[in-house]
Structure formats: structure tokens, C-alpha cells
Amino acid sequence: MEPDFYLRDLTADDWSKFKEMDELIFPEEQMMESSFISGLSGLKSLSVIAVDKESKDLIG
């Protein structure tokens, strides 16, 4: 059975959708946009996200 999602690199354009997910998962301590942007590069990259194939929503 084929998965209902795919993996792709995060981009700066994903910030608003990522922020929504972050607020649900970590309601008491959300990531700042500047940390998100700086996390897109370097050795500790946040670069991979799971995306629902049908809705294109970020799911993990």
C-alpha cells in the first residue's frame, strides 16, 4: 500500500503552516520565525516535512 503522504524540504514559505502545527504540538512554547528561518540551513536543519498528498497540508 502506498503512503498517503510524501516528504519534502521545508522552505521559508512554509512558515505560516508550520507555525499553526507548532502551536498545536507545543502550546506553551512556540518557535520564533527567525529560529525557523535560520533552522532551514546548516547542520541542524529542520529541512524535512511530511505533506498530505491530497490536501497538501503539512502533517509532520
PDB file of N, CA and C in Angstrom:
ATOM      1  N   MET A   1       0.843  -1.185   0.000  1.00  0.00           N
ATOM      2  CA  MET A   1       0.000   0.000   0.000  1.00  0.00           C
ATOM      3  C   MET A   1       0.888   1.248   0.000  1.00  0.00           C
ATOM      4  N   GLU A   2       0.585   2.159  -0.856  1.00  0.00           N
ATOM      5  CA  GLU A   2       1.355   3.391  -0.988  1.00  0.00           C
ATOM      6  C   GLU A   2       0.947   4.394   0.095  1.00  0.00           C
ATOM      7  N   PRO A   3       1.914   5.101   0.706  1.00  0.00           N
ATOM      8  CA  PRO A   3       1.577   6.080   1.754  1.00  0.00           C
ATOM      9  C   PRO A   3       0.750   7.240   1.200  1.00  0.00           C
ATOM     10  N   ASP A   4      -0.022   7.858   2.105  1.00  0.00           N
ATOM     11  CA  ASP A   4      -0.864   8.998   1.740  1.00  0.00           C
ATOM     12  C   ASP A   4      -0.133  10.323   1.893  1.00  0.00           C
ATOM     13  N   PHE A   5       1.182  10.257   2.054  1.00  0.00           N
ATOM     14  CA  PHE A   5       1.960  11.474   2.244  1.00  0.00           C
ATOM     15  C   PHE A   5       3.278  11.353   1.497  1.00  0.00           C
ATOM     16  N   TYR A   6       3.954  12.472   1.380  1.00  0.00           N
ATOM     17  CA  TYR A   6       5.304  12.481   0.818  1.00  0.00           C
ATOM     18  C   TYR A   6       6.160  13.416   1.665  1.00  0.00           C
ATOM     19  N   LEU A   7       7.460  13.268   1.552  1.00  0.00           N
ATOM     20  CA  LEU A   7       8.406  14.120   2.270  1.00  0.00           C
ATOM     21  C   LEU A   7       9.006  15.125   1.310  1.00  0.00           C
ATOM     22  N   ARG A   8       9.232  16.330   1.814  1.00  0.00           N
ATOM     23  CA  ARG A   8       9.901  17.359   1.016  1.00  0.00           C
ATOM     24  C   ARG A   8      10.635  18.304   1.959  1.00  0.00           C
ATOM     25  N   ASP A   9      11.506  19.105   1.387  1.00  0.00           N
ATOM     26  CA  ASP A   9      12.234  20.102   2.166  1.00  0.00           C
ATOM     27  C   ASP A   9      11.301  21.237   2.577  1.00  0.00           C
ATOM     28  N   LEU A  10      11.471  21.698   3.801  1.00  0.00           N
ATOM     29  CA  LEU A  10      10.780  22.907   4.241  1.00  0.00           C
ATOM     30  C   LEU A  10      11.385  24.109   3.539  1.00  0.00           C
ATOM     31  N   THR A  11      10.582  25.138   3.356  1.00  0.00           N
ATOM     32  CA  THR A  11      11.070  26.400   2.807  1.00  0.00           C
ATOM     33  C   THR A  11      10.562  27.533   3.689  1.00  0.00           C
ATOM     34  N   ALA A  12      11.094  28.715   3.489  1.00  0.00           N
ATOM     35  CA  ALA A  12      10.632  29.886   4.237  1.00  0.00           C
ATOM     36  C   ALA A  12       9.143  30.134   4.005  1.00  0.00           C
ATOM     37  N   ASP A  13       8.631  29.758   2.841  1.00  0.00           N
ATOM     38  CA  ASP A  13       7.205  29.936   2.533  1.00  0.00           C
ATOM     39  C   ASP A  13       6.303  29.064   3.396  1.00  0.00           C
ATOM     40  N   ASP A  14       6.856  28.062   4.066  1.00  0.00           N
ATOM     41  CA  ASP A  14       6.068  27.160   4.913  1.00  0.00           C
ATOM     42  C   ASP A  14       5.839  27.714   6.322  1.00  0.00           C
ATOM     43  N   TRP A  15       6.397  28.872   6.632  1.00  0.00           N
ATOM     44  CA  TRP A  15       6.351  29.383   7.996  1.00  0.00           C
ATOM     45  C   TRP A  15       4.935  29.419   8.574  1.00  0.00           C
ATOM     46  N   SER A  16       3.963  29.991   7.887  1.00  0.00           N
ATOM     47  CA  SER A  16       2.624  30.147   8.482  1.00  0.00           C
ATOM     48  C   SER A  16       1.975  28.791   8.771  1.00  0.00           C
ATOM     49  N   LYS A  17       2.100  27.830   7.868  1.00  0.00           N
ATOM     50  CA  LYS A  17       1.524  26.499   8.116  1.00  0.00           C
ATOM     51  C   LYS A  17       2.298  25.768   9.216  1.00  0.00           C
ATOM     52  N   PHE A  18       3.623  25.924   9.218  1.00  0.00           N
ATOM     53  CA  PHE A  18       4.440  25.313  10.259  1.00  0.00           C
ATOM     54  C   PHE A  18       4.067  25.884  11.622  1.00  0.00           C
ATOM     55  N   LYS A  19       3.853  27.195  11.692  1.00  0.00           N
ATOM     56  CA  LYS A  19       3.501  27.869  12.942  1.00  0.00           C
ATOM     57  C   LYS A  19       2.191  27.312  13.502  1.00  0.00           C
ATOM     58  N   GLU A  20       1.194  27.100  12.654  1.00  0.00           N
ATOM     59  CA  GLU A  20      -0.081  26.520  13.094  1.00  0.00           C
ATOM     60  C   GLU A  20       0.140  25.145  13.729  1.00  0.00           C
ATOM     61  N   MET A  21       0.933  24.313  13.084  1.00  0.00           N
ATOM     62  CA  MET A  21       1.215  22.979  13.591  1.00  0.00           C
ATOM     63  C   MET A  21       2.010  23.067  14.893  1.00  0.00           C
ATOM     64  N   ASP A  22       2.987  23.948  14.947  1.00  0.00           N
ATOM     65  CA  ASP A  22       3.817  24.122  16.133  1.00  0.00           C
ATOM     66  C   ASP A  22       2.968  24.547  17.343  1.00  0.00           C
ATOM     67  N   GLU A  23       2.004  25.432  17.135  1.00  0.00           N
ATOM     68  CA  GLU A  23       1.135  25.893  18.225  1.00  0.00           C
ATOM     69  C   GLU A  23       0.280  24.757  18.781  1.00  0.00           C
ATOM     70  N   LEU A  24      -0.132  23.831  17.924  1.00  0.00           N
ATOM     71  CA  LEU A  24      -0.917  22.684  18.384  1.00  0.00           C
ATOM     72  C   LEU A  24      -0.065  21.692  19.169  1.00  0.00           C
ATOM     73  N   ILE A  25       1.156  21.471  18.710  1.00  0.00           N
ATOM     74  CA  ILE A  25       2.029  20.477  19.331  1.00  0.00           C
ATOM     75  C   ILE A  25       2.683  21.025  20.601  1.00  0.00           C
ATOM     76  N   PHE A  26       3.095  22.281  20.558  1.00  0.00           N
ATOM     77  CA  PHE A  26       3.793  22.913  21.683  1.00  0.00           C
ATOM     78  C   PHE A  26       3.061  24.188  22.101  1.00  0.00           C
ATOM     79  N   PRO A  27       1.889  24.069  22.720  1.00  0.00           N
ATOM     80  CA  PRO A  27       1.077  25.255  23.023  1.00  0.00           C
ATOM     81  C   PRO A  27       1.737  26.243  23.982  1.00  0.00           C
ATOM     82  N   GLU A  28       2.676  25.800  24.777  1.00  0.00           N
ATOM     83  CA  GLU A  28       3.288  26.692  25.761  1.00  0.00           C
ATOM     84  C   GLU A  28       4.600  27.310  25.295  1.00  0.00           C
ATOM     85  N   GLU A  29       5.154  26.835  24.184  1.00  0.00           N
ATOM     86  CA  GLU A  29       6.455  27.340  23.747  1.00  0.00           C
ATOM     87  C   GLU A  29       6.613  27.176  22.237  1.00  0.00           C
ATOM     88  N   GLN A  30       6.179  28.170  21.479  1.00  0.00           N
ATOM     89  CA  GLN A  30       6.273  28.098  20.030  1.00  0.00           C
ATOM     90  C   GLN A  30       7.614  28.615  19.532  1.00  0.00           C
ATOM     91  N   MET A  31       7.958  28.175  18.343  1.00  0.00           N
ATOM     92  CA  MET A  31       9.179  28.611  17.678  1.00  0.00           C
ATOM     93  C   MET A  31       8.992  30.013  17.113  1.00  0.00           C
ATOM     94  N   MET A  32      10.044  30.800  17.179  1.00  0.00           N
ATOM     95  CA  MET A  32      10.041  32.132  16.582  1.00  0.00           C
ATOM     96  C   MET A  32      10.357  31.994  15.087  1.00  0.00           C
ATOM     97  N   GLU A  33       9.832  32.911  14.285  1.00  0.00           N
ATOM     98  CA  GLU A  33      10.062  32.850  12.842  1.00  0.00           C
ATOM     99  C   GLU A  33      11.553  32.928  12.518  1.00  0.00           C
ATOM    100  N   SER A  34      12.283  33.746  13.246  1.00  0.00           N
ATOM    101  CA  SER A  34      13.716  33.869  12.982  1.00  0.00           C
ATOM    102  C   SER A  34      14.444  32.541  13.224  1.00  0.00           C
ATOM    103  N   SER A  35      14.022  31.789  14.245  1.00  0.00           N
ATOM    104  CA  SER A  35      14.617  30.475  14.512  1.00  0.00           C
ATOM    105  C   SER A  35      14.260  29.486  13.409  1.00  0.00           C
ATOM    106  N   PHE A  36      13.027  29.567  12.932  1.00  0.00           N
ATOM    107  CA  PHE A  36      12.589  28.704  11.839  1.00  0.00           C
ATOM    108  C   PHE A  36      13.442  28.944  10.600  1.00  0.00           C
ATOM    109  N   ILE A  37      13.594  30.216  10.234  1.00  0.00           N
ATOM    110  CA  ILE A  37      14.352  30.565   9.027  1.00  0.00           C
ATOM    111  C   ILE A  37      15.808  30.133   9.168  1.00  0.00           C
ATOM    112  N   SER A  38      16.414  30.397  10.320  1.00  0.00           N
ATOM    113  CA  SER A  38      17.815  30.014  10.485  1.00  0.00           C
ATOM    114  C   SER A  38      17.968  28.495  10.545  1.00  0.00           C
ATOM    115  N   GLY A  39      16.921  27.785  10.963  1.00  0.00           N
ATOM    116  CA  GLY A  39      16.961  26.333  11.022  1.00  0.00           C
ATOM    117  C   GLY A  39      16.852  25.645   9.675  1.00  0.00           C
ATOM    118  N   LEU A  40      16.583  26.403   8.631  1.00  0.00           N
ATOM    119  CA  LEU A  40      16.453  25.809   7.299  1.00  0.00           C
ATOM    120  C   LEU A  40      17.794  25.498   6.653  1.00  0.00           C
ATOM    121  N   SER A  41      18.859  25.945   7.276  1.00  0.00           N
ATOM    122  CA  SER A  41      20.183  25.657   6.722  1.00  0.00           C
ATOM    123  C   SER A  41      21.127  25.245   7.846  1.00  0.00           C
ATOM    124  N   GLY A  42      22.231  24.691   7.472  1.00  0.00           N
ATOM    125  CA  GLY A  42      23.220  24.300   8.452  1.00  0.00           C
ATOM    126  C   GLY A  42      23.107  22.841   8.861  1.00  0.00           C
ATOM    127  N   LEU A  43      23.930  22.451   9.802  1.00  0.00           N
ATOM    128  CA  LEU A  43      23.998  21.051  10.223  1.00  0.00           C
ATOM    129  C   LEU A  43      22.764  20.576  10.979  1.00  0.00           C
ATOM    130  N   LYS A  44      22.084  21.473  11.663  1.00  0.00           N
ATOM    131  CA  LYS A  44      20.895  21.091  12.433  1.00  0.00           C
ATOM    132  C   LYS A  44      19.624  21.519  11.698  1.00  0.00           C
ATOM    133  N   SER A  45      19.560  21.248  10.432  1.00  0.00           N
ATOM    134  CA  SER A  45      18.468  21.683   9.573  1.00  0.00           C
ATOM    135  C   SER A  45      17.132  21.066   9.957  1.00  0.00           C
ATOM    136  N   LEU A  46      16.069  21.858   9.852  1.00  0.00           N
ATOM    137  CA  LEU A  46      14.688  21.400  10.048  1.00  0.00           C
ATOM    138  C   LEU A  46      14.081  21.008   8.709  1.00  0.00           C
ATOM    139  N   SER A  47      14.881  20.654   7.768  1.00  0.00           N
ATOM    140  CA  SER A  47      14.510  20.714   6.369  1.00  0.00           C
ATOM    141  C   SER A  47      13.464  19.741   5.848  1.00  0.00           C
ATOM    142  N   VAL A  48      13.036  18.725   6.580  1.00  0.00           N
ATOM    143  CA  VAL A  48      12.106  17.754   6.007  1.00  0.00           C
ATOM    144  C   VAL A  48      10.743  17.841   6.694  1.00  0.00           C
ATOM    145  N   ILE A  49       9.692  17.784   5.878  1.00  0.00           N
ATOM    146  CA  ILE A  49       8.317  17.831   6.388  1.00  0.00           C
ATOM    147  C   ILE A  49       7.486  16.797   5.634  1.00  0.00           C
ATOM    148  N   ALA A  50       6.531  16.201   6.322  1.00  0.00           N
ATOM    149  CA  ALA A  50       5.587  15.286   5.682  1.00  0.00           C
ATOM    150  C   ALA A  50       4.377  16.093   5.217  1.00  0.00           C
ATOM    151  N   VAL A  51       3.943  15.828   3.988  1.00  0.00           N
ATOM    152  CA  VAL A  51       2.840  16.566   3.374  1.00  0.00           C
ATOM    153  C   VAL A  51       1.776  15.583   2.907  1.00  0.00           C
ATOM    154  N   ASP A  52       0.522  15.836   3.272  1.00  0.00           N
ATOM    155  CA  ASP A  52      -0.588  15.012   2.824  1.00  0.00           C
ATOM    156  C   ASP A  52      -0.708  15.136   1.304  1.00  0.00           C
ATOM    157  N   LYS A  53      -0.745  14.016   0.599  1.00  0.00           N
ATOM    158  CA  LYS A  53      -0.792  14.039  -0.877  1.00  0.00           C
ATOM    159  C   LYS A  53      -2.031  14.737  -1.414  1.00  0.00           C
ATOM    160  N   GLU A  54      -3.166  14.521  -0.781  1.00  0.00           N
ATOM    161  CA  GLU A  54      -4.417  15.047  -1.300  1.00  0.00           C
ATOM    162  C   GLU A  54      -4.626  16.519  -0.945  1.00  0.00           C
ATOM    163  N   SER A  55      -4.518  16.854   0.347  1.00  0.00           N
ATOM    164  CA  SER A  55      -4.815  18.207   0.794  1.00  0.00           C
ATOM    165  C   SER A  55      -3.616  19.169   0.718  1.00  0.00           C
ATOM    166  N   LYS A  56      -2.410  18.591   0.628  1.00  0.00           N
ATOM    167  CA  LYS A  56      -1.153  19.347   0.639  1.00  0.00           C
ATOM    168  C   LYS A  56      -0.884  20.007   2.000  1.00  0.00           C
ATOM    169  N   ASP A  57      -1.597  19.584   3.059  1.00  0.00           N
ATOM    170  CA  ASP A  57      -1.363  20.084   4.405  1.00  0.00           C
ATOM    171  C   ASP A  57      -0.082  19.486   4.969  1.00  0.00           C
ATOM    172  N   LEU A  58       0.624  20.285   5.775  1.00  0.00           N
ATOM    173  CA  LEU A  58       1.779  19.771   6.499  1.00  0.00           C
ATOM    174  C   LEU A  58       1.245  18.866   7.613  1.00  0.00           C
ATOM    175  N   ILE A  59       1.806  17.661   7.724  1.00  0.00           N
ATOM    176  CA  ILE A  59       1.275  16.735   8.720  1.00  0.00           C
ATOM    177  C   ILE A  59       2.326  16.208   9.691  1.00  0.00           C
ATOM    178  N   GLY A  60       3.563  16.569   9.510  1.00  0.00           N
ATOM    179  CA  GLY A  60       4.539  16.115  10.495  1.00  0.00           C
ATOM    180  C   GLY A  60       5.963  16.292  10.043  1.00  0.00           C
TER     181      GLY A  60
END
